[in-house]
């Protein structure tokens, strides 16, 4: 999601407020025939714009809270996955099960094993004179670190552990039931983050319609008001000079 930027939209809304305040000083000299340019309608549009800005800000803050909460919840997964591997080894799981788990753990960690213990690289602790080389387990980076992927990996880990009869650790945090509860929580937080992102997007769409994207949008009305003042008082009039100095800009609406 793009960074939260509201200053341009807020400036347009504040300037519209300024424009209305100026029009009110004209009294009976401001008598447009179009109902959309009536002071009461302009005030309604202003209120709607202010409400829309507040809604975007609130939804954005909600999205930040949701994504922060998700990141905090997912952060311990790598360490937990390694603890589970060690526990699986400790209970005497067979070699193939441990190998399968290592494959899943590598995905959680953001890497994957090449061929079993593949790669021979120079041992940094070897005697320099002897240039001893030792087989070292080599990994390569993989791109399976999205929250959706991590949930999938974690789900597979739980199913694998549950399939091992001997896996029954005394530590509550490592028990299958606890892991399943954690998985449900991760899924809930992930969905909440997606939902909050959609709410921000919808709030921005609604704001953009009020400010820019309909026949009675704020900047459309501001332009029409300026045209009315120019026609009524003249292009060189001080009244037109007043309203023309109030600037409105079509802001990039994706933010």
Protein backbone atom coordinates (compact mmCIF):
# COMPACT_ATOMS: atom_id res chain seq x y z
CA UNK A 1 0.00 0.00 0.00
CA UNK A 2 1.25 3.49 -0.77
CA UNK A 3 2.47 5.77 1.96
CA UNK A 4 -0.22 7.84 3.59
CA UNK A 5 -0.22 11.32 2.02
CA UNK A 6 -3.12 13.64 2.79
CA UNK A 7 -1.67 17.16 2.75
CA UNK A 8 -2.84 17.98 -0.80
CA UNK A 9 -6.38 16.76 -0.19
CA UNK A 10 -6.50 18.54 3.16
CA UNK A 11 -5.24 21.75 1.54
CA UNK A 12 -7.99 21.65 -1.07
CA UNK A 13 -10.58 21.12 1.66
CA UNK A 14 -9.19 23.95 3.80
CA UNK A 15 -9.16 26.27 0.79
CA UNK A 16 -12.77 25.38 0.04
CA UNK A 17 -13.62 26.39 3.60
CA UNK A 18 -11.77 29.65 2.98
CA UNK A 19 -13.71 30.19 -0.25
CA UNK A 20 -17.07 29.71 1.51
CA UNK A 21 -16.07 32.12 4.26
CA UNK A 22 -15.25 34.71 1.61
CA UNK A 23 -18.53 34.17 -0.22
CA UNK A 24 -20.47 34.71 2.99
CA UNK A 25 -19.01 38.22 3.24
CA UNK A 26 -20.63 39.10 -0.11
CA UNK A 27 -24.09 38.74 1.38
CA UNK A 28 -26.82 39.40 -1.17
CA UNK A 29 -24.20 40.09 -3.84
CA UNK A 30 -23.67 36.34 -4.05
CA UNK A 31 -26.83 35.05 -5.75
CA UNK A 32 -25.96 32.24 -8.20
CA UNK A 33 -28.87 30.68 -10.06
CA UNK A 34 -27.45 27.18 -9.81
CA UNK A 35 -28.52 25.36 -6.63
CA UNK A 36 -25.19 23.53 -6.57
CA UNK A 37 -23.41 26.85 -6.01
CA UNK A 38 -25.66 27.91 -3.14
CA UNK A 39 -23.83 28.48 0.13
CA UNK A 40 -25.81 25.73 1.84
CA UNK A 41 -24.79 23.17 -0.77
CA UNK A 42 -21.17 24.27 -0.67
CA UNK A 43 -21.21 23.85 3.10
CA UNK A 44 -22.62 20.33 2.71
CA UNK A 45 -19.87 19.43 0.27
CA UNK A 46 -17.31 20.86 2.68
CA UNK A 47 -18.65 18.76 5.54
CA UNK A 48 -18.64 15.64 3.37
CA UNK A 49 -15.04 16.32 2.32
CA UNK A 50 -13.90 16.83 5.91
CA UNK A 51 -15.63 13.62 6.95
CA UNK A 52 -14.04 11.73 4.05
CA UNK A 53 -10.57 12.94 5.02
CA UNK A 54 -11.11 11.83 8.60
CA UNK A 55 -12.35 8.44 7.44
CA UNK A 56 -9.26 7.88 5.29
CA UNK A 57 -7.01 8.85 8.18
CA UNK A 58 -8.81 6.53 10.60
CA UNK A 59 -8.83 3.60 8.18
CA UNK A 60 -5.16 4.14 7.40
CA UNK A 61 -4.30 4.07 11.10
CA UNK A 62 -6.38 0.91 11.44
CA UNK A 63 -4.46 -0.67 8.58
CA UNK A 64 -1.13 0.23 10.18
CA UNK A 65 -2.23 -1.28 13.48
CA UNK A 66 -3.42 -4.44 11.72
CA UNK A 67 -0.22 -4.90 9.72
CA UNK A 68 1.96 -4.14 12.73
CA UNK A 69 0.04 -6.70 14.77
CA UNK A 70 0.47 -9.25 12.01
CA UNK A 71 4.21 -8.65 11.77
CA UNK A 72 4.61 -9.01 15.53
CA UNK A 73 2.68 -12.29 15.52
CA UNK A 74 4.65 -13.76 12.60
CA UNK A 75 8.05 -12.65 13.88
CA UNK A 76 8.64 -15.64 16.26
CA UNK A 77 7.90 -18.27 13.57
CA UNK A 78 11.50 -18.80 12.46
CA UNK A 79 12.75 -19.39 15.98
CA UNK A 80 9.76 -21.57 16.83
CA UNK A 81 10.24 -23.66 13.71
CA UNK A 82 13.84 -24.40 14.71
CA UNK A 83 12.78 -25.34 18.25
CA UNK A 84 10.22 -27.73 16.82
CA UNK A 85 12.86 -29.35 14.63
CA UNK A 86 15.11 -29.96 17.61
CA UNK A 87 12.19 -31.36 19.58
CA UNK A 88 11.27 -33.67 16.71
CA UNK A 89 14.83 -34.99 16.62
CA UNK A 90 14.80 -35.43 20.41
CA UNK A 91 11.71 -37.65 20.39
CA UNK A 92 13.40 -40.02 17.95
CA UNK A 93 11.51 -39.32 14.74
CA UNK A 94 12.75 -41.35 11.77
CA UNK A 95 15.24 -39.94 9.29
CA UNK A 96 12.73 -39.36 6.48
CA UNK A 97 10.37 -37.42 8.76
CA UNK A 98 13.23 -35.24 9.95
CA UNK A 99 14.29 -34.67 6.34
CA UNK A 100 10.75 -33.65 5.42
CA UNK A 101 10.64 -31.27 8.36
CA UNK A 102 13.98 -29.72 7.40
CA UNK A 103 12.57 -28.94 3.96
CA UNK A 104 9.62 -27.12 5.53
CA UNK A 105 11.84 -25.36 8.05
CA UNK A 106 14.10 -24.11 5.27
CA UNK A 107 11.07 -22.50 3.62
CA UNK A 108 10.09 -20.83 6.89
CA UNK A 109 13.64 -19.54 7.29
CA UNK A 110 13.64 -18.15 3.75
CA UNK A 111 16.08 -20.63 2.25
CA UNK A 112 16.01 -24.13 0.90
CA UNK A 113 18.52 -26.92 1.01
CA UNK A 114 20.22 -28.00 -2.17
CA UNK A 115 21.06 -31.67 -2.52
CA UNK A 116 21.63 -33.29 0.85
CA UNK A 117 24.53 -31.51 2.50
CA UNK A 118 25.50 -30.32 -0.95
CA UNK A 119 28.38 -27.99 -1.65
CA UNK A 120 31.96 -28.05 -0.49
CA UNK A 121 33.34 -24.71 0.55
CA UNK A 122 36.46 -23.75 2.39
CA UNK A 123 36.18 -24.09 6.15
CA UNK A 124 36.88 -20.61 7.58
CA UNK A 125 38.29 -22.27 10.71
CA UNK A 126 40.65 -24.56 8.82
CA UNK A 127 44.40 -24.34 9.14
CA UNK A 128 45.56 -21.88 6.48
CA UNK A 129 48.63 -23.92 5.63
CA UNK A 130 46.72 -27.12 5.01
CA UNK A 131 43.86 -25.39 3.13
CA UNK A 132 41.51 -27.98 4.57
CA UNK A 133 38.06 -28.04 3.04
CA UNK A 134 35.05 -29.59 4.68
CA UNK A 135 31.59 -30.40 3.37
CA UNK A 136 29.26 -27.64 4.51
CA UNK A 137 25.49 -27.55 4.18
CA UNK A 138 24.68 -24.92 1.56
CA UNK A 139 21.44 -23.00 1.21
CA UNK A 140 20.03 -20.70 -1.42
CA UNK A 141 17.51 -17.95 -0.96
CA UNK A 142 13.92 -18.57 -2.01
CA UNK A 143 10.97 -16.22 -2.23
CA UNK A 144 8.35 -17.94 -0.09
CA UNK A 145 8.21 -15.44 2.73
CA UNK A 146 4.85 -13.85 2.15
CA UNK A 147 2.42 -14.09 5.03
CA UNK A 148 0.24 -16.45 2.99
CA UNK A 149 3.21 -18.71 2.28
CA UNK A 150 4.34 -18.71 5.90
CA UNK A 151 0.87 -19.78 6.99
CA UNK A 152 0.97 -22.61 4.48
CA UNK A 153 4.42 -23.75 5.65
CA UNK A 154 3.40 -23.55 9.30
CA UNK A 155 0.22 -25.51 8.62
CA UNK A 156 2.26 -28.28 6.96
CA UNK A 157 4.66 -28.33 9.90
CA UNK A 158 1.79 -28.83 12.34
CA UNK A 159 0.32 -31.65 10.27
CA UNK A 160 3.71 -33.33 10.07
CA UNK A 161 4.24 -33.11 13.83
CA UNK A 162 0.73 -34.39 14.49
CA UNK A 163 1.49 -37.45 12.36
CA UNK A 164 4.39 -38.50 14.61
CA UNK A 165 3.03 -40.62 17.51
CA UNK A 166 6.10 -39.97 19.65
CA UNK A 167 5.77 -36.20 19.34
CA UNK A 168 4.28 -35.19 22.69
CA UNK A 169 6.50 -32.54 24.26
CA UNK A 170 5.93 -31.39 27.83
CA UNK A 171 6.41 -27.75 26.86
CA UNK A 172 3.00 -26.19 26.27
CA UNK A 173 4.31 -23.84 23.58
CA UNK A 174 5.50 -26.81 21.50
CA UNK A 175 2.38 -28.96 21.76
CA UNK A 176 0.36 -29.54 18.60
CA UNK A 177 -2.80 -28.06 20.16
CA UNK A 178 -0.94 -24.85 20.99
CA UNK A 179 0.52 -24.66 17.51
CA UNK A 180 -2.94 -25.09 16.00
CA UNK A 181 -4.27 -22.22 18.14
CA UNK A 182 -1.38 -20.06 16.98
CA UNK A 183 -2.15 -20.95 13.36
CA UNK A 184 -5.76 -19.83 13.76
CA UNK A 185 -4.54 -16.55 15.24
CA UNK A 186 -2.09 -15.99 12.36
CA UNK A 187 -4.84 -16.58 9.82
CA UNK A 188 -7.14 -14.17 11.64
CA UNK A 189 -4.50 -11.44 11.79
CA UNK A 190 -3.61 -11.95 8.13
CA UNK A 191 -7.25 -11.63 7.08
CA UNK A 192 -7.65 -8.55 9.27
CA UNK A 193 -4.70 -6.91 7.51
CA UNK A 194 -6.22 -7.61 4.10
CA UNK A 195 -9.61 -6.34 5.24
CA UNK A 196 -8.15 -3.14 6.64
CA UNK A 197 -6.24 -2.54 3.41
CA UNK A 198 -9.51 -2.82 1.48
CA UNK A 199 -11.15 -0.35 3.85
CA UNK A 200 -8.39 2.21 3.23
CA UNK A 201 -8.77 1.76 -0.51
CA UNK A 202 -12.56 2.18 -0.34
CA UNK A 203 -12.23 5.25 1.87
CA UNK A 204 -9.87 6.82 -0.65
CA UNK A 205 -12.24 6.06 -3.50
CA UNK A 206 -15.08 7.74 -1.61
CA UNK A 207 -12.90 10.75 -0.79
CA UNK A 208 -11.78 11.11 -4.40
CA UNK A 209 -15.37 11.15 -5.62
CA UNK A 210 -16.26 13.92 -3.18
CA UNK A 211 -13.20 16.02 -3.95
CA UNK A 212 -12.56 15.35 -7.64
CA UNK A 213 -14.53 12.74 -9.51
CA UNK A 214 -18.18 13.74 -9.92
CA UNK A 215 -20.04 16.73 -11.42
CA UNK A 216 -20.54 18.22 -7.95
CA UNK A 217 -17.05 17.45 -6.67
CA UNK A 218 -15.36 20.01 -4.46
CA UNK A 219 -12.84 21.32 -6.99
CA UNK A 220 -15.48 21.32 -9.75
CA UNK A 221 -17.71 23.55 -7.62
CA UNK A 222 -14.77 25.75 -6.66
CA UNK A 223 -14.03 26.33 -10.34
CA UNK A 224 -17.69 27.10 -11.02
CA UNK A 225 -17.82 29.58 -8.12
CA UNK A 226 -14.80 31.37 -9.51
CA UNK A 227 -16.44 31.53 -12.93
CA UNK A 228 -19.61 32.96 -11.38
CA UNK A 229 -17.68 35.65 -9.51
CA UNK A 230 -15.69 36.49 -12.63
CA UNK A 231 -18.87 36.83 -14.67
CA UNK A 232 -20.72 38.85 -12.03
CA UNK A 233 -18.01 41.28 -10.99
CA UNK A 234 -15.60 41.15 -13.96
CA UNK A 235 -12.17 39.66 -14.51
CA UNK A 236 -10.39 42.74 -13.18
CA UNK A 237 -12.62 43.15 -10.12
CA UNK A 238 -11.19 42.90 -6.60
CA UNK A 239 -13.82 40.26 -5.83
CA UNK A 240 -12.51 38.00 -8.56
CA UNK A 241 -9.00 38.76 -7.41
CA UNK A 242 -9.97 37.43 -4.01
CA UNK A 243 -11.42 34.12 -5.17
CA UNK A 244 -8.88 33.51 -7.93
CA UNK A 245 -6.06 33.62 -5.39
CA UNK A 246 -7.50 30.57 -3.60
CA UNK A 247 -5.86 27.60 -5.26
CA UNK A 248 -7.27 24.13 -5.87
CA UNK A 249 -5.24 21.27 -7.30
CA UNK A 250 -6.19 17.85 -8.61
CA UNK A 251 -4.09 15.62 -6.36
CA UNK A 252 -2.92 12.19 -7.45
CA UNK A 253 -5.80 10.12 -6.14
CA UNK A 254 -3.98 6.86 -5.49
CA UNK A 255 -2.81 8.11 -2.11
